[in-house]
Amino acid sequence: MLLIEPIPGWYYTLAWWSYIIGVDDANRRLGGRALLRDRFRHLAYLAFASVLWWTLFEMVNLRLGNWYYVMSPAGRPLRWASGVVAFATVLPAMVVTVSLIEALGWLRTLRVTPLSWTPGKRAVVLAVGVASVLLPMAWPDVFYPLIWGSVIFLLEPWNRDHARRSFLRDLEEGEAGPFARTLLAGLVCGGLWELWNNWARTKWVYTIPGFEEMKLFEMPVLGFLGFPAFAVECLVLLRFLRAVGDRLSARGRARARLAVAVLGPAATLGMFASIDRVTVDSLYATTRDLSVLPAGDRERMASAGLRSPEMVLRRLRSDAGRAEWAARTGIDAGALRLHFERTRLVMHRGIGDGRAAQLAAVGVRRVEDLDRWTAEDLALRLRTGDPRDRFLERRVRAWRAGL
């Protein structure tokens, strides 16, 4: 990756918005309706709704602890702004991907045995939806997967009766094409989410109980099964919101928009404040700000051109590189080797400068030193009562994965 800002820090967001714009243009060329050209207000609506939608999952994750963020921007305004721009991609990405699959004619029709829908089945589905919310909240380590299907069970029965489009009505007619296309879109978007997150500097790391190993990128392999369900959730939500809007009077819609315009941003700001305390585990630091390096040396390194941790790792990896930069900085090659190892620990799995300083205090100064500890023992030594330590043992397991 190019080490020229803003590409490293904003890679994930740049990749997603480039994808959304590119696929939207492809939809236009294939004869579909393009969000940017034909429905820009709808794109803005999707982006706004997307931020609020993902706010809900971030709040739930405060209880589940299934992922955390690393190498986030150090400044709070920039960190929160980058989060908003990233979260705004979720629903637009799903919509343009489903539209592309439809425009390409894939899975245009898929005949199945018509679904028989009864009041009894409705009651069971709603009960499953309620359980899918309550059980993960009560026993998050066991029932966390259920949260990714809860909205389907809670809202789709209502959509069947009131929304313009409904997966249940499709299935009652023996047509599974729309459902299959949405599942495929979820798998495509899920693969791209994980691929681009894997390459990003500011990223999330999963800490899912029992699945620290067997990963593709950052995601446990079995976790990819959740993306098709999430895609269905996204469309179920959008159809629900549209149906609610259709049923409101003009005055009711105006009041609803005002309430969302006021309460939505307030909820999102509250979410960012909460995840800053619990879910954001490390902040990105330039070479000048790496407290694990001696102040004088890090200033000389930065002044000589080693301005970022990535540059330190790239230039000081070999003996020849260290000899070259010893001449440039006036720092002994042996000291530069130690600085390389400490910087490598900072960047390993997004540990960050703050955690690396904690680790140095207990004798962990190189990545390989992590292997001398069990996750339980190291978490116990590092625990300070910080709210971020709520899931510290899981995060230590993530640091040690693959060693």
Protein backbone atom coordinates (compact mmCIF):
# COMPACT_ATOMS: atom_id res chain seq x y z
CA MET A 1 0.00 0.00 0.00
CA LEU A 2 1.17 3.55 -0.68
CA LEU A 3 2.29 5.24 2.53
CA ILE A 4 0.96 8.60 1.39
CA GLU A 5 -1.85 10.06 3.45
CA PRO A 6 -4.81 9.91 3.35
CA ILE A 7 -4.61 6.52 1.64
CA PRO A 8 -3.37 4.44 4.61
CA GLY A 9 -5.73 6.00 7.14
CA TRP A 10 -8.78 6.15 4.88
CA TYR A 11 -8.18 3.09 2.72
CA TYR A 12 -11.30 1.20 3.82
CA THR A 13 -13.64 4.15 3.25
CA LEU A 14 -12.03 5.09 -0.06
CA ALA A 15 -12.37 1.50 -1.28
CA TRP A 16 -16.04 1.24 -0.34
CA TRP A 17 -17.17 4.55 -1.79
CA SER A 18 -15.20 3.81 -4.97
CA TYR A 19 -17.03 0.48 -5.19
CA ILE A 20 -20.43 2.07 -4.59
CA ILE A 21 -19.86 4.73 -7.25
CA GLY A 22 -18.45 2.21 -9.73
CA VAL A 23 -21.23 -0.35 -9.29
CA ASP A 24 -23.86 2.40 -9.42
CA ASP A 25 -22.45 3.51 -12.78
CA ALA A 26 -22.44 -0.11 -13.99
CA ASN A 27 -26.12 -0.35 -13.05
CA ARG A 28 -26.81 2.78 -15.11
CA ARG A 29 -25.00 1.33 -18.13
CA LEU A 30 -26.97 -1.91 -17.79
CA GLY A 31 -30.22 0.02 -17.96
CA GLY A 32 -31.01 0.27 -14.27
CA ARG A 33 -31.69 3.30 -12.13
CA ALA A 34 -28.52 4.92 -10.82
CA LEU A 35 -28.49 6.42 -7.34
CA LEU A 36 -26.01 9.18 -8.20
CA ARG A 37 -27.71 10.23 -11.42
CA ASP A 38 -31.38 9.47 -10.86
CA ARG A 39 -31.91 9.16 -7.12
CA PHE A 40 -29.27 11.23 -5.28
CA ARG A 41 -31.70 12.12 -2.49
CA HIS A 42 -32.33 8.42 -2.00
CA LEU A 43 -28.58 7.81 -1.79
CA ALA A 44 -28.31 10.50 0.89
CA TYR A 45 -31.22 8.86 2.73
CA LEU A 46 -29.53 5.45 2.53
CA ALA A 47 -26.25 6.88 3.85
CA PHE A 48 -27.99 8.60 6.77
CA ALA A 49 -30.07 5.53 7.60
CA SER A 50 -26.95 3.40 7.31
CA VAL A 51 -25.17 5.36 10.03
CA LEU A 52 -28.14 4.96 12.39
CA TRP A 53 -28.49 1.28 11.45
CA TRP A 54 -24.87 0.51 12.26
CA THR A 55 -25.11 2.62 15.43
CA LEU A 56 -27.51 -0.04 16.70
CA PHE A 57 -25.00 -2.84 16.12
CA GLU A 58 -22.18 -0.89 17.74
CA MET A 59 -24.31 -0.41 20.85
CA VAL A 60 -25.14 -4.13 20.89
CA ASN A 61 -21.44 -4.93 20.53
CA LEU A 62 -20.73 -3.11 23.78
CA ARG A 63 -22.43 -6.12 25.35
CA LEU A 64 -21.22 -8.81 22.93
CA GLY A 65 -17.60 -7.68 22.54
CA ASN A 66 -17.31 -9.46 19.19
CA TRP A 67 -15.03 -6.88 17.55
CA TYR A 68 -12.86 -3.91 18.43
CA TYR A 69 -11.13 -1.14 16.50
CA VAL A 70 -7.40 -0.54 16.17
CA MET A 71 -5.20 2.22 14.78
CA SER A 72 -8.06 4.72 14.82
CA PRO A 73 -7.26 8.40 14.13
CA ALA A 74 -5.90 10.05 17.27
CA GLY A 75 -8.03 13.19 17.08
CA ARG A 76 -11.60 12.66 18.26
CA PRO A 77 -13.34 14.86 15.63
CA LEU A 78 -11.47 13.09 12.82
CA ARG A 79 -12.04 9.68 14.40
CA TRP A 80 -15.77 10.20 14.69
CA ALA A 81 -16.03 11.76 11.22
CA SER A 82 -14.20 8.82 9.67
CA GLY A 83 -16.56 6.48 11.49
CA VAL A 84 -19.61 8.26 10.11
CA VAL A 85 -18.28 8.12 6.55
CA ALA A 86 -17.47 4.41 6.92
CA PHE A 87 -20.78 3.46 8.53
CA ALA A 88 -22.64 5.37 5.80
CA THR A 89 -21.51 2.80 3.23
CA VAL A 90 -23.39 -0.22 4.60
CA LEU A 91 -26.87 0.23 3.11
CA PRO A 92 -25.76 1.88 -0.15
CA ALA A 93 -23.33 -0.99 -0.74
CA MET A 94 -26.07 -3.57 -0.23
CA VAL A 95 -28.54 -1.75 -2.45
CA VAL A 96 -26.19 -1.24 -5.39
CA THR A 97 -24.95 -4.83 -5.16
CA VAL A 98 -28.48 -6.26 -5.19
CA SER A 99 -29.29 -3.93 -8.12
CA LEU A 100 -26.21 -5.13 -10.02
CA ILE A 101 -27.14 -8.79 -9.55
CA GLU A 102 -30.65 -8.01 -10.80
CA ALA A 103 -29.33 -6.02 -13.77
CA LEU A 104 -27.04 -8.89 -14.75
CA GLY A 105 -30.01 -11.24 -14.73
CA TRP A 106 -28.52 -13.61 -12.18
CA LEU A 107 -31.03 -15.72 -10.25
CA ARG A 108 -33.82 -13.92 -12.06
CA THR A 109 -36.22 -16.62 -10.97
CA LEU A 110 -35.88 -19.56 -8.63
CA ARG A 111 -39.00 -21.66 -8.22
CA VAL A 112 -39.58 -23.42 -4.92
CA THR A 113 -42.49 -25.09 -3.17
CA PRO A 114 -44.85 -22.28 -2.15
CA LEU A 115 -44.62 -21.38 1.52
CA SER A 116 -47.74 -21.90 3.58
CA TRP A 117 -48.04 -18.97 5.97
CA THR A 118 -50.36 -19.26 8.97
CA PRO A 119 -51.03 -17.25 12.13
CA GLY A 120 -49.28 -19.98 14.08
CA LYS A 121 -46.13 -19.62 12.00
CA ARG A 122 -46.31 -15.87 12.41
CA ALA A 123 -46.36 -16.25 16.19
CA VAL A 124 -43.39 -18.62 16.10
CA VAL A 125 -41.36 -16.30 13.86
CA LEU A 126 -42.03 -13.32 16.11
CA ALA A 127 -41.10 -15.37 19.18
CA VAL A 128 -37.84 -16.35 17.50
CA GLY A 129 -37.19 -12.67 16.77
CA VAL A 130 -37.69 -11.67 20.38
CA ALA A 131 -35.48 -14.55 21.55
CA SER A 132 -32.81 -13.53 19.03
CA VAL A 133 -32.58 -10.16 20.75
CA LEU A 134 -32.91 -11.19 24.38
CA LEU A 135 -30.71 -14.31 24.44
CA PRO A 136 -27.56 -12.57 23.12
CA MET A 137 -28.05 -9.81 25.65
CA ALA A 138 -28.41 -12.30 28.51
CA TRP A 139 -25.76 -14.84 27.43
CA PRO A 140 -23.59 -13.10 24.83
CA ASP A 141 -20.82 -15.71 24.74
CA VAL A 142 -23.27 -18.41 23.64
CA PHE A 143 -26.05 -16.74 21.65
CA TYR A 144 -24.22 -13.85 19.91
CA PRO A 145 -24.90 -15.21 16.36
CA LEU A 146 -28.65 -14.77 16.79
CA ILE A 147 -28.43 -10.99 16.70
CA TRP A 148 -27.68 -11.12 12.97
CA GLY A 149 -31.09 -12.56 12.11
CA SER A 150 -33.25 -10.89 14.73
CA VAL A 151 -34.56 -8.04 12.59
CA ILE A 152 -35.72 -10.45 9.87
CA PHE A 153 -37.91 -12.37 12.30
CA LEU A 154 -39.21 -9.21 13.99
CA LEU A 155 -40.07 -7.11 10.91
CA GLU A 156 -40.66 -9.40 7.95
CA PRO A 157 -44.07 -10.67 9.19
CA TRP A 158 -45.22 -7.04 9.30
CA ASN A 159 -43.68 -6.38 5.88
CA ARG A 160 -45.67 -9.31 4.50
CA ASP A 161 -48.90 -7.57 5.42
CA HIS A 162 -48.00 -3.94 4.76
CA ALA A 163 -44.83 -3.38 2.69
CA ARG A 164 -44.70 -2.98 -1.08
CA ARG A 165 -42.28 -5.90 -1.34
CA SER A 166 -41.82 -8.85 0.97
CA PHE A 167 -39.64 -11.93 0.92
CA LEU A 168 -42.42 -13.88 2.63
CA ARG A 169 -44.94 -12.96 -0.06
CA ASP A 170 -42.40 -13.99 -2.72
CA LEU A 171 -41.94 -17.36 -1.02
CA GLU A 172 -45.70 -17.82 -0.66
CA GLU A 173 -45.87 -17.46 -4.44
CA GLY A 174 -43.12 -20.07 -4.84
CA GLU A 175 -40.51 -17.53 -5.97
CA ALA A 176 -37.17 -17.50 -4.14
CA GLY A 177 -35.27 -15.42 -6.73
CA PRO A 178 -35.32 -12.11 -4.80
CA PHE A 179 -34.32 -13.88 -1.60
CA ALA A 180 -31.46 -15.74 -3.33
CA ARG A 181 -30.20 -12.55 -5.00
CA THR A 182 -30.09 -10.80 -1.64
CA LEU A 183 -28.21 -13.68 -0.05
CA LEU A 184 -25.66 -13.54 -2.87
CA ALA A 185 -25.29 -9.77 -2.47
CA GLY A 186 -24.59 -10.28 1.22
CA LEU A 187 -21.88 -12.80 0.45
CA VAL A 188 -20.27 -10.45 -2.09
CA CYS A 189 -20.36 -7.47 0.26
CA GLY A 190 -19.14 -9.59 3.16
CA GLY A 191 -16.14 -10.75 1.17
CA LEU A 192 -15.32 -7.16 0.23
CA TRP A 193 -15.78 -5.93 3.80
CA GLU A 194 -13.27 -8.43 5.08
CA LEU A 195 -10.84 -8.08 2.17
CA TRP A 196 -10.63 -4.30 2.46
CA ASN A 197 -10.54 -4.39 6.24
CA ASN A 198 -7.62 -6.82 6.02
CA TRP A 199 -5.64 -4.28 3.97
CA ALA A 200 -6.66 -1.24 6.02
CA ARG A 201 -4.66 0.44 8.76
CA THR A 202 -7.67 1.62 10.73
CA LYS A 203 -9.61 -1.61 11.04
CA TRP A 204 -11.59 -3.93 13.28
CA VAL A 205 -10.40 -7.18 14.81
CA TYR A 206 -12.84 -9.96 15.73
CA THR A 207 -12.79 -11.52 19.19
CA ILE A 208 -15.52 -14.11 18.81
CA PRO A 209 -15.48 -16.77 21.54
CA GLY A 210 -14.16 -20.09 20.27
CA PHE A 211 -13.15 -18.73 16.87
CA GLU A 212 -9.79 -17.04 17.48
CA GLU A 213 -8.27 -19.38 14.88
CA MET A 214 -9.56 -20.59 11.47
CA LYS A 215 -9.88 -17.13 9.97
CA LEU A 216 -10.05 -15.80 6.44
CA PHE A 217 -8.70 -12.26 6.69
CA GLU A 218 -9.97 -11.11 10.12
CA MET A 219 -13.25 -13.04 9.97
CA PRO A 220 -13.63 -16.60 11.29
CA VAL A 221 -14.52 -18.73 8.27
CA LEU A 222 -17.93 -19.71 9.64
CA GLY A 223 -18.67 -16.03 10.26
CA PHE A 224 -19.07 -15.46 6.52
CA LEU A 225 -22.41 -17.27 6.82
CA GLY A 226 -23.69 -14.23 8.70
CA PHE A 227 -23.30 -11.84 5.77
CA PRO A 228 -26.14 -13.27 3.63
CA ALA A 229 -28.47 -13.03 6.63
CA PHE A 230 -27.31 -9.47 7.28
CA ALA A 231 -28.11 -8.52 3.68
CA VAL A 232 -31.65 -9.82 4.13
CA GLU A 233 -31.88 -7.80 7.35
CA CYS A 234 -30.84 -4.66 5.50
CA LEU A 235 -33.53 -5.02 2.84
CA VAL A 236 -36.15 -6.01 5.40
CA LEU A 237 -35.33 -2.84 7.35
CA LEU A 238 -35.52 -0.59 4.27
CA ARG A 239 -38.84 -2.09 3.19
CA PHE A 240 -40.18 -1.68 6.72
CA LEU A 241 -39.16 2.00 6.85
CA ARG A 242 -40.73 2.66 3.47
CA ALA A 243 -43.96 0.95 4.49
CA VAL A 244 -44.13 2.96 7.71
CA GLY A 245 -43.63 6.15 5.69
CA ASP A 246 -46.40 5.13 3.29
CA ARG A 247 -48.83 4.69 6.16
CA LEU A 248 -48.11 8.03 7.79
CA SER A 249 -49.89 11.23 6.86
CA ALA A 250 -47.89 14.14 5.46
CA ARG A 251 -47.84 15.72 8.92
CA GLY A 252 -46.84 12.42 10.48
CA ARG A 253 -43.95 12.00 8.05
CA ALA A 254 -42.74 15.54 8.79
CA ARG A 255 -42.81 14.86 12.52
CA ALA A 256 -41.04 11.54 12.06
CA ARG A 257 -38.30 13.17 9.98
CA LEU A 258 -37.82 15.88 12.59
CA ALA A 259 -37.59 13.30 15.38
CA VAL A 260 -35.06 11.24 13.46
CA ALA A 261 -33.06 14.35 12.51
CA VAL A 262 -32.76 15.26 16.20
CA LEU A 263 -32.58 11.91 17.96
CA GLY A 264 -30.58 10.05 15.30
CA PRO A 265 -27.42 12.17 15.48
CA ALA A 266 -27.69 12.31 19.26
CA ALA A 267 -27.79 8.49 19.40
CA THR A 268 -24.83 8.27 17.03
CA LEU A 269 -22.76 10.71 19.08
CA GLY A 270 -23.60 8.71 22.19
CA MET A 271 -22.50 5.56 20.40
CA PHE A 272 -19.16 7.08 19.41
CA ALA A 273 -18.56 8.26 22.97
CA SER A 274 -19.32 4.75 24.24
CA ILE A 275 -17.17 2.86 21.78
CA ASP A 276 -14.30 5.28 22.39
CA ARG A 277 -14.26 4.01 25.97
CA VAL A 278 -14.71 0.30 25.22
CA THR A 279 -14.35 -0.72 21.57
CA VAL A 280 -11.56 1.54 20.29
CA ASP A 281 -8.48 -0.19 21.67
CA SER A 282 -5.64 1.68 19.98
CA LEU A 283 -4.97 5.00 18.29
CA TYR A 284 -2.55 5.53 15.46
CA ALA A 285 0.67 7.33 16.40
CA THR A 286 3.36 8.74 14.13
CA THR A 287 7.02 8.00 14.85
CA ARG A 288 7.35 11.27 16.80
CA ASP A 289 4.54 10.16 19.10
CA LEU A 290 5.73 6.59 19.83
CA SER A 291 6.28 6.61 23.57
CA VAL A 292 7.93 3.17 23.42
CA LEU A 293 10.92 4.78 21.67
CA PRO A 294 13.36 7.19 23.38
CA ALA A 295 12.27 10.78 22.78
CA GLY A 296 15.53 11.90 21.24
CA ASP A 297 15.80 8.91 18.91
CA ARG A 298 12.26 9.11 17.63
CA GLU A 299 12.71 12.80 16.84
CA ARG A 300 15.91 12.11 14.91
CA MET A 301 14.28 9.21 13.07
CA ALA A 302 11.28 11.32 12.06
CA SER A 303 13.46 14.24 10.98
CA ALA A 304 15.54 11.89 8.81
CA GLY A 305 12.44 10.61 6.99
CA LEU A 306 11.13 7.73 9.14
CA ARG A 307 7.96 9.65 9.91
CA SER A 308 5.56 6.74 10.31
CA PRO A 309 5.69 3.32 12.00
CA GLU A 310 5.08 1.73 8.59
CA MET A 311 8.16 3.48 7.24
CA VAL A 312 10.20 2.33 10.24
CA LEU A 313 9.19 -1.28 9.60
CA ARG A 314 9.84 -1.02 5.88
CA ARG A 315 13.27 0.66 6.11
CA LEU A 316 14.74 -1.01 9.20
CA ARG A 317 13.78 -4.59 8.44
CA SER A 318 17.25 -5.70 7.27
CA ASP A 319 20.80 -5.26 8.54
CA ALA A 320 21.61 -3.26 5.43
CA GLY A 321 18.66 -0.98 6.01
CA ARG A 322 19.60 -0.40 9.61
CA ALA A 323 23.19 0.39 8.62
CA GLU A 324 21.96 2.93 6.06
CA TRP A 325 19.66 4.64 8.53
CA ALA A 326 22.26 4.56 11.28
CA ALA A 327 24.36 6.78 9.04
CA ARG A 328 21.40 9.05 8.31
CA THR A 329 20.18 9.41 11.88
CA GLY A 330 23.35 9.04 13.91
CA ILE A 331 21.67 6.27 15.94
CA ASP A 332 23.58 3.05 16.47
CA ALA A 333 22.40 0.16 14.25
CA GLY A 334 21.90 -2.01 17.35
CA ALA A 335 19.59 0.62 18.86
CA LEU A 336 17.71 0.87 15.57
CA ARG A 337 17.15 -2.89 15.72
CA LEU A 338 15.53 -2.50 19.15
CA HIS A 339 13.44 0.41 17.84
CA PHE A 340 12.33 -1.78 14.93
CA GLU A 341 11.23 -4.56 17.30
CA ARG A 342 9.29 -2.18 19.53
CA THR A 343 7.62 -0.54 16.54
CA ARG A 344 6.77 -3.97 15.16
CA LEU A 345 5.04 -4.77 18.44
CA VAL A 346 3.09 -1.51 18.23
CA MET A 347 1.81 -2.39 14.77
CA HIS A 348 1.27 -6.12 15.40
CA ARG A 349 -2.49 -6.83 15.26
CA GLY A 350 -3.03 -3.12 15.92
CA ILE A 351 -1.71 -3.32 19.49
CA GLY A 352 -0.88 0.37 19.43
CA ASP A 353 1.52 2.56 21.35
CA GLY A 354 -0.49 2.64 24.58
CA ARG A 355 -0.84 -1.13 24.84
CA ALA A 356 2.81 -1.59 23.76
CA ALA A 357 3.90 0.64 26.64
CA GLN A 358 1.84 -1.50 29.03
CA LEU A 359 3.41 -4.63 27.58
CA ALA A 360 6.91 -3.21 27.92
CA ALA A 361 6.26 -2.66 31.62
CA VAL A 362 5.75 -6.43 32.07
CA GLY A 363 8.71 -7.38 29.90
CA VAL A 364 7.03 -7.81 26.50
CA ARG A 365 9.09 -5.74 24.06
CA ARG A 366 8.98 -7.91 20.92
CA VAL A 367 6.15 -9.71 19.17
CA GLU A 368 7.77 -13.05 20.02
CA ASP A 369 7.62 -12.20 23.73
CA LEU A 370 3.84 -12.57 23.61
CA ASP A 371 4.28 -16.31 23.18
CA ARG A 372 5.78 -16.62 26.67
CA TRP A 373 2.44 -15.76 28.25
CA THR A 374 -0.98 -17.33 28.32
CA ALA A 375 -3.79 -15.00 27.38
CA GLU A 376 -5.25 -15.30 30.88
CA ASP A 377 -2.01 -14.43 32.67
CA LEU A 378 -1.09 -11.54 30.40
CA ALA A 379 -4.57 -10.03 30.58
CA LEU A 380 -4.43 -10.27 34.36
CA ARG A 381 -1.10 -8.40 34.45
CA LEU A 382 -2.31 -5.70 32.06
CA ARG A 383 -5.71 -5.10 33.60
CA THR A 384 -6.05 -1.62 35.11
CA GLY A 385 -9.80 -1.13 35.43
CA ASP A 386 -10.00 0.74 32.13
CA PRO A 387 -13.38 0.09 30.42
CA ARG A 388 -11.43 -1.21 27.41
CA ASP A 389 -10.26 -4.08 29.61
CA ARG A 390 -13.74 -5.60 29.72
CA PHE A 391 -12.79 -7.92 26.88
CA LEU A 392 -9.03 -7.78 27.38
CA GLU A 393 -8.44 -11.54 27.55
CA ARG A 394 -10.10 -11.97 24.14
CA ARG A 395 -7.97 -9.19 22.70
CA VAL A 396 -4.79 -10.76 24.05
CA ARG A 397 -5.84 -13.99 22.33
CA ALA A 398 -6.11 -12.01 19.09
CA TRP A 399 -2.59 -10.63 19.62
CA ARG A 400 -1.24 -14.15 20.15
CA ALA A 401 -3.10 -15.75 17.24
CA GLY A 402 -0.72 -17.31 14.75
CA LEU A 403 2.42 -17.00 16.88
